[in-house]
PDB file of N, CA and C in Angstrom:
ATOM      1  N   MET A   1     161.620  24.883  52.564  1.00  0.00           N
ATOM      2  CA  MET A   1     160.335  24.436  52.099  1.00  0.00           C
ATOM      3  C   MET A   1     160.213  22.945  52.358  1.00  0.00           C
ATOM      4  N   TRP A   2     159.086  22.476  52.706  1.00  0.00           N
ATOM      5  CA  TRP A   2     158.794  21.080  53.001  1.00  0.00           C
ATOM      6  C   TRP A   2     159.738  20.531  54.054  1.00  0.00           C
ATOM      7  N   GLY A   3     160.148  21.350  54.994  1.00  0.00           N
ATOM      8  CA  GLY A   3     160.972  20.877  56.089  1.00  0.00           C
ATOM      9  C   GLY A   3     162.439  20.706  55.771  1.00  0.00           C
ATOM     10  N   SER A   4     162.910  21.264  54.650  1.00  0.00           N
ATOM     11  CA  SER A   4     164.333  21.102  54.340  1.00  0.00           C
ATOM     12  C   SER A   4     165.181  21.912  55.294  1.00  0.00           C
ATOM     13  N   ARG A   5     166.270  21.292  55.707  1.00  0.00           N
ATOM     14  CA  ARG A   5     167.174  21.945  56.647  1.00  0.00           C
ATOM     15  C   ARG A   5     168.603  21.959  56.136  1.00  0.00           C
ATOM     16  N   ALA A   6     168.827  21.441  54.929  1.00  0.00           N
ATOM     17  CA  ALA A   6     170.188  21.368  54.403  1.00  0.00           C
ATOM     18  C   ALA A   6     170.161  21.470  52.886  1.00  0.00           C
ATOM     19  N   TRP A   7     171.306  21.785  52.353  1.00  0.00           N
ATOM     20  CA  TRP A   7     171.491  21.806  50.907  1.00  0.00           C
ATOM     21  C   TRP A   7     172.364  20.629  50.573  1.00  0.00           C
ATOM     22  N   HIS A   8     172.013  19.844  49.825  1.00  0.00           N
ATOM     23  CA  HIS A   8     170.951  19.472  48.927  1.00  0.00           C
ATOM     24  C   HIS A   8     169.882  18.747  49.728  1.00  0.00           C
ATOM     25  N   THR A   9     168.637  19.103  49.455  1.00  0.00           N
ATOM     26  CA  THR A   9     167.501  18.356  49.967  1.00  0.00           C
ATOM     27  C   THR A   9     166.574  18.090  48.795  1.00  0.00           C
ATOM     28  N   LEU A  10     166.222  16.842  48.611  1.00  0.00           N
ATOM     29  CA  LEU A  10     165.250  16.473  47.582  1.00  0.00           C
ATOM     30  C   LEU A  10     164.038  15.886  48.270  1.00  0.00           C
ATOM     31  N   VAL A  11     162.873  16.242  47.758  1.00  0.00           N
ATOM     32  CA  VAL A  11     161.613  15.767  48.309  1.00  0.00           C
ATOM     33  C   VAL A  11     160.825  15.132  47.177  1.00  0.00           C
ATOM     34  N   ILE A  12     160.233  13.984  47.437  1.00  0.00           N
ATOM     35  CA  ILE A  12     159.372  13.339  46.448  1.00  0.00           C
ATOM     36  C   ILE A  12     157.944  13.742  46.749  1.00  0.00           C
ATOM     37  N   VAL A  13     157.300  14.333  45.751  1.00  0.00           N
ATOM     38  CA  VAL A  13     155.896  14.741  45.856  1.00  0.00           C
ATOM     39  C   VAL A  13     155.124  13.920  44.828  1.00  0.00           C
ATOM     40  N   ASP A  14     154.103  13.206  45.265  1.00  0.00           N
ATOM     41  CA  ASP A  14     153.345  12.360  44.334  1.00  0.00           C
ATOM     42  C   ASP A  14     152.412  13.212  43.478  1.00  0.00           C
ATOM     43  N   PRO A  15     151.832  12.617  42.429  1.00  0.00           N
ATOM     44  CA  PRO A  15     150.944  13.384  41.546  1.00  0.00           C
ATOM     45  C   PRO A  15     149.725  13.978  42.237  1.00  0.00           C
ATOM     46  N   ALA A  16     149.379  13.479  43.418  1.00  0.00           N
ATOM     47  CA  ALA A  16     148.256  14.050  44.174  1.00  0.00           C
ATOM     48  C   ALA A  16     148.705  15.231  45.036  1.00  0.00           C
ATOM     49  N   GLY A  17     150.017  15.493  45.045  1.00  0.00           N
ATOM     50  CA  GLY A  17     150.529  16.624  45.809  1.00  0.00           C
ATOM     51  C   GLY A  17     150.976  16.280  47.221  1.00  0.00           C
ATOM     52  N   ASN A  18     151.045  15.009  47.540  1.00  0.00           N
ATOM     53  CA  ASN A  18     151.467  14.588  48.879  1.00  0.00           C
ATOM     54  C   ASN A  18     152.982  14.367  48.928  1.00  0.00           C
ATOM     55  N   VAL A  19     153.607  14.824  49.992  1.00  0.00           N
ATOM     56  CA  VAL A  19     155.020  14.550  50.199  1.00  0.00           C
ATOM     57  C   VAL A  19     155.126  13.111  50.679  1.00  0.00           C
ATOM     58  N   VAL A  20     155.879  12.291  49.940  1.00  0.00           N
ATOM     59  CA  VAL A  20     155.987  10.873  50.292  1.00  0.00           C
ATOM     60  C   VAL A  20     157.385  10.491  50.760  1.00  0.00           C
ATOM     61  N   GLY A  21     158.317  11.411  50.703  1.00  0.00           N
ATOM     62  CA  GLY A  21     159.664  11.113  51.186  1.00  0.00           C
ATOM     63  C   GLY A  21     160.603  12.251  50.882  1.00  0.00           C
ATOM     64  N   GLY A  22     161.747  12.212  51.539  1.00  0.00           N
ATOM     65  CA  GLY A  22     162.756  13.229  51.293  1.00  0.00           C
ATOM     66  C   GLY A  22     164.038  12.895  52.019  1.00  0.00           C
ATOM     67  N   MET A  23     165.134  13.406  51.485  1.00  0.00           N
ATOM     68  CA  MET A  23     166.438  13.180  52.098  1.00  0.00           C
ATOM     69  C   MET A  23     167.321  14.395  51.853  1.00  0.00           C
ATOM     70  N   SER A  24     168.255  14.600  52.752  1.00  0.00           N
ATOM     71  CA  SER A  24     169.251  15.652  52.601  1.00  0.00           C
ATOM     72  C   SER A  24     170.602  15.004  52.340  1.00  0.00           C
ATOM     73  N   GLY A  25     171.432  15.713  51.627  1.00  0.00           N
ATOM     74  CA  GLY A  25     172.764  15.209  51.318  1.00  0.00           C
ATOM     75  C   GLY A  25     172.893  14.889  49.849  1.00  0.00           C
ATOM     76  N   GLU A  26     173.690  13.886  49.537  1.00  0.00           N
ATOM     77  CA  GLU A  26     173.905  13.486  48.150  1.00  0.00           C
ATOM     78  C   GLU A  26     173.860  11.976  48.053  1.00  0.00           C
ATOM     79  N   GLY A  27     173.740  11.486  46.829  1.00  0.00           N
ATOM     80  CA  GLY A  27     173.831  10.063  46.579  1.00  0.00           C
ATOM     81  C   GLY A  27     172.629   9.248  47.003  1.00  0.00           C
ATOM     82  N   PHE A  28     171.445   9.838  46.990  1.00  0.00           N
ATOM     83  CA  PHE A  28     170.286   9.074  47.428  1.00  0.00           C
ATOM     84  C   PHE A  28     169.412   8.588  46.286  1.00  0.00           C
ATOM     85  N   TYR A  29     169.896   8.661  45.056  1.00  0.00           N
ATOM     86  CA  TYR A  29     169.112   8.145  43.934  1.00  0.00           C
ATOM     87  C   TYR A  29     168.761   6.666  44.123  1.00  0.00           C
ATOM     88  N   PRO A  30     169.686   5.811  44.583  1.00  0.00           N
ATOM     89  CA  PRO A  30     169.315   4.403  44.783  1.00  0.00           C
ATOM     90  C   PRO A  30     168.146   4.220  45.765  1.00  0.00           C
ATOM     91  N   VAL A  31     167.997   5.126  46.715  1.00  0.00           N
ATOM     92  CA  VAL A  31     166.877   5.055  47.660  1.00  0.00           C
ATOM     93  C   VAL A  31     165.596   5.567  47.001  1.00  0.00           C
ATOM     94  N   PHE A  32     165.721   6.628  46.217  1.00  0.00           N
ATOM     95  CA  PHE A  32     164.547   7.247  45.589  1.00  0.00           C
ATOM     96  C   PHE A  32     164.000   6.419  44.429  1.00  0.00           C
ATOM     97  N   LYS A  33     164.862   5.747  43.688  1.00  0.00           N
ATOM     98  CA  LYS A  33     164.441   5.058  42.469  1.00  0.00           C
ATOM     99  C   LYS A  33     163.272   4.102  42.695  1.00  0.00           C
ATOM    100  N   PRO A  34     163.332   3.179  43.656  1.00  0.00           N
ATOM    101  CA  PRO A  34     162.180   2.278  43.842  1.00  0.00           C
ATOM    102  C   PRO A  34     160.919   3.000  44.309  1.00  0.00           C
ATOM    103  N   VAL A  35     161.070   4.065  45.051  1.00  0.00           N
ATOM    104  CA  VAL A  35     159.899   4.839  45.495  1.00  0.00           C
ATOM    105  C   VAL A  35     159.231   5.485  44.284  1.00  0.00           C
ATOM    106  N   ILE A  36     160.035   6.077  43.410  1.00  0.00           N
ATOM    107  CA  ILE A  36     159.499   6.726  42.207  1.00  0.00           C
ATOM    108  C   ILE A  36     158.845   5.684  41.296  1.00  0.00           C
ATOM    109  N   GLU A  37     159.504   4.527  41.125  1.00  0.00           N
ATOM    110  CA  GLU A  37     158.926   3.458  40.305  1.00  0.00           C
ATOM    111  C   GLU A  37     157.591   2.991  40.868  1.00  0.00           C
ATOM    112  N   SER A  38     157.506   2.867  42.181  1.00  0.00           N
ATOM    113  CA  SER A  38     156.268   2.449  42.836  1.00  0.00           C
ATOM    114  C   SER A  38     155.151   3.480  42.614  1.00  0.00           C
ATOM    115  N   LEU A  39     155.501   4.751  42.739  1.00  0.00           N
ATOM    116  CA  LEU A  39     154.505   5.807  42.529  1.00  0.00           C
ATOM    117  C   LEU A  39     154.017   5.817  41.085  1.00  0.00           C
ATOM    118  N   ILE A  40     154.925   5.608  40.146  1.00  0.00           N
ATOM    119  CA  ILE A  40     154.527   5.555  38.735  1.00  0.00           C
ATOM    120  C   ILE A  40     153.539   4.412  38.520  1.00  0.00           C
ATOM    121  N   SER A  41     153.861   3.243  39.046  1.00  0.00           N
ATOM    122  CA  SER A  41     152.956   2.086  38.903  1.00  0.00           C
ATOM    123  C   SER A  41     151.592   2.350  39.536  1.00  0.00           C
ATOM    124  N   GLU A  42     151.624   2.885  40.744  1.00  0.00           N
ATOM    125  CA  GLU A  42     150.370   3.148  41.462  1.00  0.00           C
ATOM    126  C   GLU A  42     149.481   4.138  40.729  1.00  0.00           C
ATOM    127  N   PHE A  43     150.061   5.265  40.296  1.00  0.00           N
ATOM    128  CA  PHE A  43     149.244   6.292  39.655  1.00  0.00           C
ATOM    129  C   PHE A  43     148.895   5.939  38.212  1.00  0.00           C
ATOM    130  N   ASP A  44     149.726   5.111  37.556  1.00  0.00           N
ATOM    131  CA  ASP A  44     149.350   4.580  36.244  1.00  0.00           C
ATOM    132  C   ASP A  44     148.136   3.668  36.379  1.00  0.00           C
ATOM    133  N   ALA A  45     148.136   2.808  37.409  1.00  0.00           N
ATOM    134  CA  ALA A  45     147.024   1.884  37.626  1.00  0.00           C
ATOM    135  C   ALA A  45     145.711   2.637  37.882  1.00  0.00           C
ATOM    136  N   ARG A  46     145.817   3.767  38.519  1.00  0.00           N
ATOM    137  CA  ARG A  46     144.628   4.597  38.779  1.00  0.00           C
ATOM    138  C   ARG A  46     144.228   5.416  37.552  1.00  0.00           C
ATOM    139  N   ARG A  47     145.086   5.391  36.526  1.00  0.00           N
ATOM    140  CA  ARG A  47     144.878   6.173  35.296  1.00  0.00           C
ATOM    141  C   ARG A  47     144.808   7.677  35.563  1.00  0.00           C
ATOM    142  N   VAL A  48     145.618   8.133  36.492  1.00  0.00           N
ATOM    143  CA  VAL A  48     145.649   9.568  36.800  1.00  0.00           C
ATOM    144  C   VAL A  48     147.019  10.192  36.529  1.00  0.00           C
ATOM    145  N   LEU A  49     147.923   9.396  35.979  1.00  0.00           N
ATOM    146  CA  LEU A  49     149.253   9.919  35.679  1.00  0.00           C
ATOM    147  C   LEU A  49     149.255  10.467  34.252  1.00  0.00           C
ATOM    148  N   ASP A  50     149.549  11.733  34.119  1.00  0.00           N
ATOM    149  CA  ASP A  50     149.588  12.375  32.804  1.00  0.00           C
ATOM    150  C   ASP A  50     150.972  12.139  32.198  1.00  0.00           C
ATOM    151  N   ARG A  51     151.047  11.357  31.143  1.00  0.00           N
ATOM    152  CA  ARG A  51     152.318  11.041  30.505  1.00  0.00           C
ATOM    153  C   ARG A  51     152.596  11.911  29.286  1.00  0.00           C
ATOM    154  N   THR A  52     151.889  13.020  29.152  1.00  0.00           N
ATOM    155  CA  THR A  52     152.154  13.942  28.061  1.00  0.00           C
ATOM    156  C   THR A  52     153.566  14.499  28.217  1.00  0.00           C
ATOM    157  N   PRO A  53     154.396  14.386  27.167  1.00  0.00           N
ATOM    158  CA  PRO A  53     155.761  14.915  27.274  1.00  0.00           C
ATOM    159  C   PRO A  53     155.748  16.425  27.556  1.00  0.00           C
ATOM    160  N   LEU A  54     156.639  16.850  28.411  1.00  0.00           N
ATOM    161  CA  LEU A  54     156.744  18.264  28.732  1.00  0.00           C
ATOM    162  C   LEU A  54     157.571  18.956  27.654  1.00  0.00           C
ATOM    163  N   ASP A  55     157.166  20.132  27.276  1.00  0.00           N
ATOM    164  CA  ASP A  55     157.907  20.918  26.295  1.00  0.00           C
ATOM    165  C   ASP A  55     158.900  21.794  27.056  1.00  0.00           C
ATOM    166  N   LEU A  56     159.986  21.186  27.491  1.00  0.00           N
ATOM    167  CA  LEU A  56     160.983  21.896  28.278  1.00  0.00           C
ATOM    168  C   LEU A  56     162.079  22.436  27.377  1.00  0.00           C
ATOM    169  N   LYS A  57     162.556  23.601  27.716  1.00  0.00           N
ATOM    170  CA  LYS A  57     163.649  24.213  26.981  1.00  0.00           C
ATOM    171  C   LYS A  57     164.753  24.553  27.962  1.00  0.00           C
ATOM    172  N   GLY A  58     165.961  24.561  27.464  1.00  0.00           N
ATOM    173  CA  GLY A  58     167.084  24.967  28.289  1.00  0.00           C
ATOM    174  C   GLY A  58     166.930  26.412  28.725  1.00  0.00           C
ATOM    175  N   GLU A  59     167.538  26.739  29.826  1.00  0.00           N
ATOM    176  CA  GLU A  59     167.403  28.078  30.389  1.00  0.00           C
ATOM    177  C   GLU A  59     167.835  29.163  29.408  1.00  0.00           C
ATOM    178  N   LYS A  60     168.831  28.877  28.588  1.00  0.00           N
ATOM    179  CA  LYS A  60     169.367  29.880  27.674  1.00  0.00           C
ATOM    180  C   LYS A  60     168.600  29.967  26.360  1.00  0.00           C
ATOM    181  N   GLU A  61     167.768  28.976  26.059  1.00  0.00           N
ATOM    182  CA  GLU A  61     167.055  28.951  24.786  1.00  0.00           C
ATOM    183  C   GLU A  61     166.028  30.069  24.680  1.00  0.00           C
ATOM    184  N   GLY A  62     166.030  30.741  23.562  1.00  0.00           N
ATOM    185  CA  GLY A  62     165.033  31.762  23.285  1.00  0.00           C
ATOM    186  C   GLY A  62     165.313  33.115  23.908  1.00  0.00           C
ATOM    187  N   LEU A  63     166.433  33.281  24.594  1.00  0.00           N
ATOM    188  CA  LEU A  63     166.755  34.580  25.185  1.00  0.00           C
ATOM    189  C   LEU A  63     167.549  35.426  24.196  1.00  0.00           C
ATOM    190  N   ALA A  64     167.312  36.706  24.240  1.00  0.00           N
ATOM    191  CA  ALA A  64     168.055  37.628  23.376  1.00  0.00           C
ATOM    192  C   ALA A  64     169.534  37.624  23.768  1.00  0.00           C
ATOM    193  N   GLN A  65     170.416  37.672  22.787  1.00  0.00           N
ATOM    194  CA  GLN A  65     171.860  37.668  23.018  1.00  0.00           C
ATOM    195  C   GLN A  65     172.315  39.092  23.369  1.00  0.00           C
ATOM    196  N   THR A  66     172.000  39.524  24.583  1.00  0.00           N
ATOM    197  CA  THR A  66     172.340  40.875  25.011  1.00  0.00           C
ATOM    198  C   THR A  66     173.635  40.869  25.809  1.00  0.00           C
ATOM    199  N   VAL A  67     174.098  42.036  26.190  1.00  0.00           N
ATOM    200  CA  VAL A  67     175.336  42.163  26.958  1.00  0.00           C
ATOM    201  C   VAL A  67     175.243  41.382  28.265  1.00  0.00           C
ATOM    202  N   LEU A  68     174.087  41.373  28.881  1.00  0.00           N
ATOM    203  CA  LEU A  68     173.930  40.690  30.160  1.00  0.00           C
ATOM    204  C   LEU A  68     173.380  39.269  30.008  1.00  0.00           C
ATOM    205  N   TYR A  69     173.498  38.713  28.799  1.00  0.00           N
ATOM    206  CA  TYR A  69     173.030  37.364  28.527  1.00  0.00           C
ATOM    207  C   TYR A  69     173.831  36.370  29.345  1.00  0.00           C
ATOM    208  N   PHE A  70     173.233  35.818  30.383  1.00  0.00           N
ATOM    209  CA  PHE A  70     173.854  34.854  31.277  1.00  0.00           C
ATOM    210  C   PHE A  70     175.238  35.275  31.723  1.00  0.00           C
ATOM    211  N   PRO A  71     175.341  36.365  32.452  1.00  0.00           N
ATOM    212  CA  PRO A  71     176.665  36.782  32.925  1.00  0.00           C
ATOM    213  C   PRO A  71     177.190  35.844  34.004  1.00  0.00           C
ATOM    214  N   GLY A  72     178.491  35.642  33.979  1.00  0.00           N
ATOM    215  CA  GLY A  72     179.115  34.830  35.012  1.00  0.00           C
ATOM    216  C   GLY A  72     179.515  35.665  36.204  1.00  0.00           C
ATOM    217  N   ASN A  73     179.894  36.904  35.945  1.00  0.00           N
ATOM    218  CA  ASN A  73     180.310  37.819  37.012  1.00  0.00           C
ATOM    219  C   ASN A  73     179.854  39.221  36.651  1.00  0.00           C
ATOM    220  N   MET A  74     179.603  40.007  37.657  1.00  0.00           N
ATOM    221  CA  MET A  74     179.193  41.401  37.453  1.00  0.00           C
ATOM    222  C   MET A  74     180.185  42.299  38.178  1.00  0.00           C
ATOM    223  N   LEU A  75     180.470  43.435  37.572  1.00  0.00           N
ATOM    224  CA  LEU A  75     181.381  44.399  38.176  1.00  0.00           C
ATOM    225  C   LEU A  75     180.799  45.787  37.995  1.00  0.00           C
ATOM    226  N   ASP A  76     180.666  46.500  39.075  1.00  0.00           N
ATOM    227  CA  ASP A  76     180.181  47.875  39.044  1.00  0.00           C
ATOM    228  C   ASP A  76     181.375  48.776  38.796  1.00  0.00           C
ATOM    229  N   GLY A  77     181.363  49.484  37.691  1.00  0.00           N
ATOM    230  CA  GLY A  77     182.476  50.364  37.329  1.00  0.00           C
ATOM    231  C   GLY A  77     182.332  51.750  37.938  1.00  0.00           C
ATOM    232  N   GLY A  78     182.183  51.838  39.224  1.00  0.00           N
ATOM    233  CA  GLY A  78     182.112  53.127  39.898  1.00  0.00           C
ATOM    234  C   GLY A  78     180.740  53.765  39.876  1.00  0.00           C
ATOM    235  N   GLY A  79     179.711  52.986  39.666  1.00  0.00           N
ATOM    236  CA  GLY A  79     178.360  53.520  39.714  1.00  0.00           C
ATOM    237  C   GLY A  79     177.838  54.024  38.391  1.00  0.00           C
ATOM    238  N   LYS A  80     178.694  54.149  37.371  1.00  0.00           N
ATOM    239  CA  LYS A  80     178.243  54.649  36.075  1.00  0.00           C
ATOM    240  C   LYS A  80     178.237  53.572  35.005  1.00  0.00           C
ATOM    241  N   GLU A  81     178.967  52.487  35.238  1.00  0.00           N
ATOM    242  CA  GLU A  81     179.066  51.442  34.246  1.00  0.00           C
ATOM    243  C   GLU A  81     178.846  50.086  34.909  1.00  0.00           C
ATOM    244  N   LEU A  82     178.380  49.179  34.131  1.00  0.00           N
ATOM    245  CA  LEU A  82     178.177  47.823  34.610  1.00  0.00           C
ATOM    246  C   LEU A  82     178.845  46.877  33.621  1.00  0.00           C
ATOM    247  N   PHE A  83     179.707  46.023  34.121  1.00  0.00           N
ATOM    248  CA  PHE A  83     180.418  45.097  33.258  1.00  0.00           C
ATOM    249  C   PHE A  83     179.993  43.669  33.589  1.00  0.00           C
ATOM    250  N   ALA A  84     179.940  42.843  32.567  1.00  0.00           N
ATOM    251  CA  ALA A  84     179.594  41.443  32.769  1.00  0.00           C
ATOM    252  C   ALA A  84     180.417  40.586  31.813  1.00  0.00           C
ATOM    253  N   ASP A  85     180.818  39.421  32.289  1.00  0.00           N
ATOM    254  CA  ASP A  85     181.427  38.461  31.368  1.00  0.00           C
ATOM    255  C   ASP A  85     180.386  37.384  31.076  1.00  0.00           C
ATOM    256  N   ARG A  86     180.533  36.722  29.972  1.00  0.00           N
ATOM    257  CA  ARG A  86     179.587  35.695  29.576  1.00  0.00           C
ATOM    258  C   ARG A  86     180.138  34.326  29.919  1.00  0.00           C
ATOM    259  N   VAL A  87     179.207  33.454  30.276  1.00  0.00           N
ATOM    260  CA  VAL A  87     179.594  32.074  30.594  1.00  0.00           C
ATOM    261  C   VAL A  87     179.475  31.264  29.325  1.00  0.00           C
TER     262      VAL A  87
END
């Protein structure tokens, strides 16, 4: 997506939906930080940046504690049983 050709690829998308940069590999936070800061300043100045806090929850929050609750490994017991360990 967005021209990624490797894992890890991060792409910066501005609040208007435009791709403004991207890099593959690791350790590119020092390169991204000033770009992100600049975008925040620019879109804040335009008063189009929504700073409403996101109500984010961890992936495991609110899920039922079932047998397959976040399994780490799955094993088919001969087609009749399914086994899972929990992480």
